[in-house]
Amino acid sequence: MSHYSPAVAIQMIRFYNTLNERDRRRYAAVEAVKLGHGGIAFISKLLNCDPKTINRGITELKSEEQLNSVRQRKKGVDEKH
């Protein structure tokens, strides 16, 4: 099952690897939804990410509240003492 040419697949992987965690989730979700049936499994394999991550991204894309979120992690999680 090949949805993209090898050149496009390589570009997608390279782009995906430059994104932060939240944007990776959402990018994978957009690509999976575009493909329709079997899209989650295909994108999961192509981008080497968990299908649950893609499903979470799909949920976030459907939720306007999640899209407006600015913070990626809870306050204090990344702070060093």
Protein backbone atom coordinates (compact mmCIF):
# COMPACT_ATOMS: atom_id res chain seq x y z
CA MET A 1 0.00 0.00 0.00
CA SER A 2 1.78 3.11 -1.21
CA HIS A 3 0.00 6.45 -0.95
CA TYR A 4 2.97 8.70 -1.69
CA SER A 5 5.94 8.64 -4.00
CA PRO A 6 9.24 7.79 -2.27
CA ALA A 7 10.42 11.41 -2.67
CA VAL A 8 7.28 12.81 -1.00
CA ALA A 9 7.47 10.22 1.79
CA ILE A 10 11.06 11.27 2.54
CA GLN A 11 10.04 14.94 2.65
CA MET A 12 7.17 14.12 4.99
CA ILE A 13 9.47 12.22 7.34
CA ARG A 14 12.08 15.00 7.33
CA PHE A 15 9.43 17.64 8.04
CA TYR A 16 7.80 15.52 10.76
CA ASN A 17 11.14 15.19 12.53
CA THR A 18 11.50 18.98 12.78
CA LEU A 19 8.19 19.44 14.62
CA ASN A 20 7.57 19.52 18.35
CA GLU A 21 5.54 16.78 20.01
CA ARG A 22 2.13 18.45 19.68
CA ASP A 23 2.67 19.50 16.08
CA ARG A 24 3.87 16.00 15.15
CA ARG A 25 0.66 14.56 16.54
CA ARG A 26 -1.46 17.01 14.61
CA TYR A 27 0.49 16.70 11.35
CA ALA A 28 0.23 12.90 11.48
CA ALA A 29 -3.50 13.25 12.19
CA VAL A 30 -4.09 15.54 9.22
CA GLU A 31 -2.24 13.19 6.87
CA ALA A 32 -4.08 10.13 8.20
CA VAL A 33 -7.48 11.79 7.83
CA LYS A 34 -6.64 12.84 4.26
CA LEU A 35 -5.99 9.21 3.36
CA GLY A 36 -9.24 7.91 4.82
CA HIS A 37 -9.64 4.19 5.50
CA GLY A 38 -6.29 2.69 6.55
CA GLY A 39 -4.72 6.13 6.85
CA ILE A 40 -3.86 5.86 10.53
CA ALA A 41 -2.03 2.56 10.06
CA PHE A 42 -0.19 3.83 6.98
CA ILE A 43 0.93 7.13 8.54
CA SER A 44 1.83 5.39 11.79
CA LYS A 45 4.19 3.10 9.90
CA LEU A 46 5.56 5.84 7.63
CA LEU A 47 6.30 8.31 10.42
CA ASN A 48 7.13 5.64 13.01
CA CYS A 49 4.58 6.87 15.53
CA ASP A 50 1.97 5.11 17.63
CA PRO A 51 -1.57 4.95 16.17
CA LYS A 52 -2.83 6.16 19.58
CA THR A 53 -0.81 9.31 19.06
CA ILE A 54 -2.51 9.89 15.72
CA ASN A 55 -5.93 9.28 17.26
CA ARG A 56 -5.11 11.82 19.97
CA GLY A 57 -4.13 14.30 17.26
CA ILE A 58 -7.42 13.70 15.45
CA THR A 59 -9.29 14.36 18.69
CA GLU A 60 -7.33 17.57 19.23
CA LEU A 61 -8.05 18.77 15.71
CA LYS A 62 -11.77 18.24 16.26
CA SER A 63 -11.68 20.17 19.54
CA GLU A 64 -11.46 23.94 19.16
CA GLU A 65 -10.40 24.24 22.80
CA GLN A 66 -7.35 22.03 22.23
CA LEU A 67 -6.32 23.98 19.11
CA ASN A 68 -6.31 27.26 21.01
CA SER A 69 -4.00 25.82 23.65
CA VAL A 70 -0.65 27.61 23.75
CA ARG A 71 1.20 25.50 26.31
CA GLN A 72 2.54 22.12 25.34
CA ARG A 73 3.27 20.87 28.84
CA LYS A 74 1.90 21.77 32.23
CA LYS A 75 3.58 24.69 33.95
CA GLY A 76 6.54 23.60 36.05
CA VAL A 77 7.19 20.31 34.27
CA ASP A 78 10.21 21.55 32.31
CA GLU A 79 11.54 23.88 34.99
CA LYS A 80 14.89 22.97 36.52
CA HIS A 81 15.53 23.63 40.19
